[in-house]
């Protein structure tokens, strides 16, 4: 009983939606771990900052956070643009219909 309570508490204390979800497939998980290891060692070799792996990892983390924010902003901007163009298209279509009806001689309000 105490075990489940502890695991529940651990689950609650974790920050949600921040970390990348690891795949359940053990082969995929191993491959991801290997990829992470290769990228870390590559950063260590080619970094050249002299401070070691921690600094390069930290900068990459801040970069990803900034990139995530920028990506969200771009997505919002694209959605806003699409919405406004949709509204404009609708207004133009209404105006064209009204104009056509006037040309036919029908009464439009």
N, C-alpha and C. Protein backbone atom coordinates (compact mmCIF):
# COMPACT_ATOMS: atom_id res chain seq x y z
N UNK A 1 0.83 -1.21 0.00
CA UNK A 1 0.00 0.00 0.00
C UNK A 1 0.87 1.26 0.00
N UNK A 2 1.91 1.23 0.85
CA UNK A 2 2.79 2.39 0.96
C UNK A 2 3.53 2.65 -0.36
N UNK A 3 3.80 1.58 -1.08
CA UNK A 3 4.53 1.69 -2.34
C UNK A 3 3.73 2.50 -3.36
N UNK A 4 2.44 2.18 -3.47
CA UNK A 4 1.59 2.89 -4.44
C UNK A 4 1.44 4.35 -4.04
N UNK A 5 1.31 4.59 -2.75
CA UNK A 5 1.19 5.97 -2.29
C UNK A 5 2.42 6.80 -2.66
N UNK A 6 3.59 6.18 -2.47
CA UNK A 6 4.85 6.86 -2.76
C UNK A 6 4.95 7.15 -4.26
N UNK A 7 4.61 6.14 -5.08
CA UNK A 7 4.70 6.35 -6.53
C UNK A 7 3.72 7.42 -6.99
N UNK A 8 2.55 7.46 -6.36
CA UNK A 8 1.57 8.49 -6.69
C UNK A 8 2.13 9.87 -6.38
N UNK A 9 2.75 9.97 -5.18
CA UNK A 9 3.32 11.26 -4.77
C UNK A 9 4.41 11.70 -5.73
N UNK A 10 5.23 10.72 -6.16
CA UNK A 10 6.29 11.03 -7.11
C UNK A 10 5.70 11.54 -8.42
N UNK A 11 4.65 10.90 -8.85
CA UNK A 11 4.03 11.29 -10.13
C UNK A 11 3.46 12.71 -10.06
N UNK A 12 2.90 13.05 -8.91
CA UNK A 12 2.32 14.39 -8.75
C UNK A 12 3.41 15.45 -8.74
N UNK A 13 4.54 15.13 -8.09
CA UNK A 13 5.60 16.13 -7.93
C UNK A 13 6.32 16.45 -9.23
N UNK A 14 6.20 15.56 -10.23
CA UNK A 14 6.90 15.80 -11.49
C UNK A 14 6.24 16.94 -12.27
N UNK A 15 7.06 17.73 -12.95
CA UNK A 15 6.53 18.78 -13.81
C UNK A 15 5.92 18.13 -15.05
N UNK A 16 4.73 18.54 -15.39
CA UNK A 16 4.03 17.90 -16.52
C UNK A 16 4.37 18.60 -17.83
N UNK A 17 4.41 17.81 -18.88
CA UNK A 17 4.52 18.36 -20.23
C UNK A 17 5.85 19.01 -20.58
N UNK A 18 6.88 18.75 -19.81
CA UNK A 18 8.16 19.40 -20.11
C UNK A 18 9.12 18.44 -20.82
N UNK A 19 9.23 17.23 -20.22
CA UNK A 19 10.20 16.30 -20.76
C UNK A 19 9.65 15.56 -21.96
N UNK A 20 10.58 15.11 -22.82
CA UNK A 20 10.22 14.33 -24.00
C UNK A 20 9.78 12.95 -23.55
N UNK A 21 8.65 12.48 -24.07
CA UNK A 21 8.13 11.17 -23.68
C UNK A 21 8.99 10.08 -24.31
N UNK A 22 9.46 9.17 -23.48
CA UNK A 22 10.31 8.09 -23.98
C UNK A 22 9.42 6.99 -24.57
N UNK A 23 9.85 6.38 -25.65
CA UNK A 23 9.05 5.31 -26.24
C UNK A 23 9.05 4.06 -25.36
N UNK A 24 7.93 3.33 -25.38
CA UNK A 24 7.80 2.14 -24.53
C UNK A 24 8.56 0.96 -25.13
N UNK A 25 8.74 0.96 -26.44
CA UNK A 25 9.46 -0.12 -27.10
C UNK A 25 10.92 -0.11 -26.66
N UNK A 26 11.42 -1.23 -26.10
CA UNK A 26 12.81 -1.23 -25.59
C UNK A 26 13.86 -1.00 -26.66
N UNK A 27 13.59 -1.46 -27.87
CA UNK A 27 14.55 -1.25 -28.97
C UNK A 27 14.64 0.23 -29.30
N UNK A 28 13.47 0.87 -29.42
CA UNK A 28 13.45 2.31 -29.71
C UNK A 28 14.11 3.10 -28.59
N UNK A 29 13.84 2.67 -27.35
CA UNK A 29 14.41 3.37 -26.20
C UNK A 29 15.94 3.28 -26.23
N UNK A 30 16.44 2.09 -26.53
CA UNK A 30 17.90 1.89 -26.60
C UNK A 30 18.50 2.75 -27.71
N UNK A 31 17.80 2.80 -28.83
CA UNK A 31 18.28 3.60 -29.96
C UNK A 31 18.31 5.08 -29.59
N UNK A 32 17.25 5.54 -28.90
CA UNK A 32 17.21 6.94 -28.47
C UNK A 32 18.33 7.26 -27.50
N UNK A 33 18.58 6.32 -26.57
CA UNK A 33 19.67 6.52 -25.60
C UNK A 33 21.01 6.63 -26.31
N UNK A 34 21.19 5.76 -27.29
CA UNK A 34 22.44 5.78 -28.07
C UNK A 34 22.59 7.10 -28.82
N UNK A 35 21.48 7.54 -29.42
CA UNK A 35 21.50 8.81 -30.17
C UNK A 35 21.86 9.97 -29.25
N UNK A 36 21.27 9.95 -28.03
CA UNK A 36 21.56 10.99 -27.04
C UNK A 36 23.03 10.97 -26.65
N UNK A 37 23.56 9.79 -26.46
CA UNK A 37 24.97 9.63 -26.09
C UNK A 37 25.88 10.17 -27.18
N UNK A 38 25.56 9.84 -28.42
CA UNK A 38 26.37 10.31 -29.55
C UNK A 38 26.31 11.82 -29.65
N UNK A 39 25.12 12.40 -29.49
CA UNK A 39 25.00 13.86 -29.60
C UNK A 39 25.75 14.55 -28.46
N UNK A 40 25.68 13.97 -27.25
CA UNK A 40 26.39 14.55 -26.11
C UNK A 40 27.90 14.51 -26.32
N UNK A 41 28.42 13.37 -26.75
CA UNK A 41 29.86 13.26 -26.94
C UNK A 41 30.31 14.14 -28.10
N UNK A 42 29.49 14.25 -29.11
CA UNK A 42 29.80 15.13 -30.24
C UNK A 42 29.91 16.57 -29.79
N UNK A 43 28.99 16.98 -28.93
CA UNK A 43 29.04 18.33 -28.39
C UNK A 43 30.27 18.55 -27.56
N UNK A 44 30.68 17.51 -26.83
CA UNK A 44 31.85 17.61 -25.97
C UNK A 44 33.12 17.75 -26.82
N UNK A 45 33.17 16.99 -27.92
CA UNK A 45 34.37 17.01 -28.77
C UNK A 45 34.45 18.30 -29.57
N UNK A 46 33.34 18.67 -30.19
CA UNK A 46 33.34 19.82 -31.10
C UNK A 46 32.98 21.14 -30.42
N UNK A 47 32.66 21.08 -29.12
CA UNK A 47 32.26 22.30 -28.41
C UNK A 47 33.37 23.32 -28.35
N UNK A 48 34.51 22.91 -27.79
CA UNK A 48 35.67 23.79 -27.73
C UNK A 48 35.53 24.96 -26.78
N UNK A 49 34.54 24.90 -25.88
CA UNK A 49 34.35 26.02 -24.96
C UNK A 49 35.33 25.93 -23.79
N UNK A 50 35.79 24.69 -23.47
CA UNK A 50 36.74 24.52 -22.39
C UNK A 50 36.08 24.31 -21.05
N UNK A 51 34.76 24.48 -20.96
CA UNK A 51 34.06 24.31 -19.69
C UNK A 51 33.53 22.90 -19.52
N UNK A 52 33.59 22.06 -20.54
CA UNK A 52 33.12 20.68 -20.40
C UNK A 52 31.74 20.49 -20.98
N UNK A 53 31.14 19.36 -20.63
CA UNK A 53 29.87 18.96 -21.25
C UNK A 53 28.69 19.72 -20.66
N UNK A 54 28.77 20.08 -19.38
CA UNK A 54 27.63 20.68 -18.72
C UNK A 54 27.22 22.00 -19.39
N UNK A 55 28.21 22.81 -19.73
CA UNK A 55 27.89 24.11 -20.33
C UNK A 55 27.25 23.94 -21.70
N UNK A 56 27.78 23.01 -22.50
CA UNK A 56 27.23 22.82 -23.84
C UNK A 56 25.81 22.27 -23.76
N UNK A 57 25.58 21.39 -22.78
CA UNK A 57 24.24 20.83 -22.61
C UNK A 57 23.26 21.91 -22.18
N UNK A 58 23.71 22.78 -21.26
CA UNK A 58 22.85 23.86 -20.77
C UNK A 58 22.46 24.81 -21.90
N UNK A 59 23.40 25.18 -22.73
CA UNK A 59 23.08 26.09 -23.82
C UNK A 59 22.11 25.43 -24.79
N UNK A 60 22.30 24.14 -25.03
CA UNK A 60 21.39 23.46 -25.94
C UNK A 60 19.98 23.43 -25.37
N UNK A 61 19.87 23.28 -24.04
CA UNK A 61 18.55 23.28 -23.41
C UNK A 61 17.87 24.64 -23.57
N UNK A 62 18.61 25.72 -23.31
CA UNK A 62 18.01 27.05 -23.44
C UNK A 62 17.62 27.30 -24.89
N UNK A 63 18.44 26.82 -25.81
CA UNK A 63 18.14 26.98 -27.24
C UNK A 63 16.82 26.30 -27.59
N UNK A 64 16.65 25.07 -27.07
CA UNK A 64 15.42 24.35 -27.40
C UNK A 64 14.21 25.05 -26.81
N UNK A 65 14.36 25.62 -25.62
CA UNK A 65 13.24 26.36 -25.01
C UNK A 65 12.88 27.57 -25.85
N UNK A 66 13.91 28.29 -26.30
CA UNK A 66 13.68 29.47 -27.15
C UNK A 66 13.06 29.05 -28.48
N UNK A 67 13.57 27.94 -29.01
CA UNK A 67 13.04 27.45 -30.28
C UNK A 67 11.59 27.02 -30.13
N UNK A 68 11.27 26.41 -28.99
CA UNK A 68 9.89 25.98 -28.73
C UNK A 68 8.97 27.19 -28.68
N UNK A 69 9.42 28.24 -28.01
CA UNK A 69 8.61 29.46 -27.90
C UNK A 69 8.41 30.09 -29.27
N UNK A 70 9.51 30.16 -30.03
CA UNK A 70 9.45 30.77 -31.35
C UNK A 70 8.52 29.97 -32.27
N UNK A 71 8.62 28.66 -32.17
CA UNK A 71 7.75 27.80 -32.98
C UNK A 71 6.29 28.02 -32.66
N UNK A 72 6.00 28.16 -31.36
CA UNK A 72 4.61 28.41 -30.95
C UNK A 72 4.11 29.74 -31.48
N UNK A 73 4.96 30.75 -31.41
CA UNK A 73 4.58 32.08 -31.91
C UNK A 73 4.32 32.04 -33.41
N UNK A 74 5.19 31.34 -34.13
CA UNK A 74 5.02 31.25 -35.58
C UNK A 74 3.73 30.52 -35.93
N UNK A 75 3.43 29.46 -35.16
CA UNK A 75 2.20 28.71 -35.41
C UNK A 75 0.98 29.58 -35.16
N UNK A 76 1.02 30.36 -34.08
CA UNK A 76 -0.10 31.27 -33.77
C UNK A 76 -0.26 32.32 -34.86
N UNK A 77 0.86 32.86 -35.32
CA UNK A 77 0.81 33.88 -36.37
C UNK A 77 0.22 33.31 -37.65
N UNK A 78 0.60 32.09 -37.98
CA UNK A 78 0.08 31.44 -39.18
C UNK A 78 -1.43 31.21 -39.05
N UNK A 79 -1.86 30.79 -37.86
CA UNK A 79 -3.28 30.55 -37.63
C UNK A 79 -4.07 31.86 -37.73
N UNK A 80 -3.50 32.90 -37.18
CA UNK A 80 -4.15 34.22 -37.21
C UNK A 80 -4.30 34.70 -38.65
N UNK A 81 -3.23 34.54 -39.42
CA UNK A 81 -3.24 34.95 -40.82
C UNK A 81 -4.30 34.17 -41.60
N UNK A 82 -4.34 32.86 -41.35
CA UNK A 82 -5.30 32.00 -42.05
C UNK A 82 -6.73 32.39 -41.70
N UNK A 83 -6.96 32.68 -40.42
CA UNK A 83 -8.31 33.08 -39.98
C UNK A 83 -8.74 34.39 -40.60
N UNK A 84 -7.84 35.36 -40.62
CA UNK A 84 -8.20 36.68 -41.17
C UNK A 84 -8.44 36.58 -42.67
N UNK A 85 -7.64 35.75 -43.35
CA UNK A 85 -7.84 35.59 -44.80
C UNK A 85 -9.17 34.89 -45.08
N UNK A 86 -9.54 33.94 -44.21
CA UNK A 86 -10.83 33.26 -44.38
C UNK A 86 -11.99 34.24 -44.22
N UNK A 87 -11.88 35.12 -43.23
CA UNK A 87 -12.92 36.13 -43.01
C UNK A 87 -13.01 37.06 -44.22
N UNK A 88 -11.83 37.51 -44.69
CA UNK A 88 -11.79 38.41 -45.84
C UNK A 88 -12.42 37.77 -47.07
N UNK A 89 -12.10 36.49 -47.29
CA UNK A 89 -12.67 35.76 -48.43
C UNK A 89 -14.20 35.72 -48.34
N UNK A 90 -14.69 35.45 -47.13
CA UNK A 90 -16.14 35.40 -46.92
C UNK A 90 -16.79 36.73 -47.21
N UNK A 91 -16.17 37.80 -46.74
CA UNK A 91 -16.71 39.15 -46.98
C UNK A 91 -16.72 39.47 -48.48
N UNK A 92 -15.64 39.11 -49.16
CA UNK A 92 -15.57 39.36 -50.61
C UNK A 92 -16.65 38.58 -51.36
N UNK A 93 -16.87 37.32 -50.92
CA UNK A 93 -17.89 36.50 -51.56
C UNK A 93 -19.28 37.10 -51.35
N UNK A 94 -19.55 37.58 -50.13
CA UNK A 94 -20.84 38.22 -49.84
C UNK A 94 -21.03 39.46 -50.69
N UNK A 95 -19.96 40.27 -50.80
CA UNK A 95 -20.04 41.50 -51.59
C UNK A 95 -20.31 41.17 -53.05
N UNK A 96 -19.65 40.13 -53.56
CA UNK A 96 -19.84 39.74 -54.96
C UNK A 96 -21.27 39.26 -55.20
N UNK A 97 -21.81 38.50 -54.25
CA UNK A 97 -23.19 38.01 -54.37
C UNK A 97 -24.18 39.18 -54.37
N UNK A 98 -23.92 40.12 -53.48
CA UNK A 98 -24.79 41.30 -53.37
C UNK A 98 -24.76 42.13 -54.65
N UNK A 99 -23.57 42.29 -55.20
CA UNK A 99 -23.38 43.05 -56.44
C UNK A 99 -24.12 42.38 -57.59
N UNK A 100 -24.02 41.05 -57.67
CA UNK A 100 -24.68 40.29 -58.73
C UNK A 100 -26.19 40.41 -58.61
N UNK A 101 -26.67 40.36 -57.37
CA UNK A 101 -28.11 40.48 -57.14
C UNK A 101 -28.61 41.87 -57.53
N UNK A 102 -27.82 42.90 -57.22
CA UNK A 102 -28.19 44.27 -57.59
C UNK A 102 -28.25 44.41 -59.11
N UNK A 103 -27.28 43.77 -59.79
CA UNK A 103 -27.25 43.83 -61.25
C UNK A 103 -28.48 43.18 -61.84
N UNK A 104 -29.00 42.14 -61.19
CA UNK A 104 -30.21 41.47 -61.65
C UNK A 104 -31.44 42.29 -61.34
N UNK A 105 -31.32 43.22 -60.38
CA UNK A 105 -32.45 44.07 -60.03
C UNK A 105 -33.15 43.60 -58.78
N UNK A 106 -32.63 42.62 -58.09
CA UNK A 106 -33.26 42.16 -56.84
C UNK A 106 -32.90 43.12 -55.72
N UNK A 107 -33.79 43.21 -54.73
CA UNK A 107 -33.58 44.15 -53.62
C UNK A 107 -32.70 43.48 -52.56
N UNK A 108 -31.63 44.14 -52.17
CA UNK A 108 -30.77 43.64 -51.09
C UNK A 108 -30.81 44.62 -49.93
N UNK A 109 -30.83 44.10 -48.73
CA UNK A 109 -30.92 44.99 -47.54
C UNK A 109 -29.55 45.58 -47.24
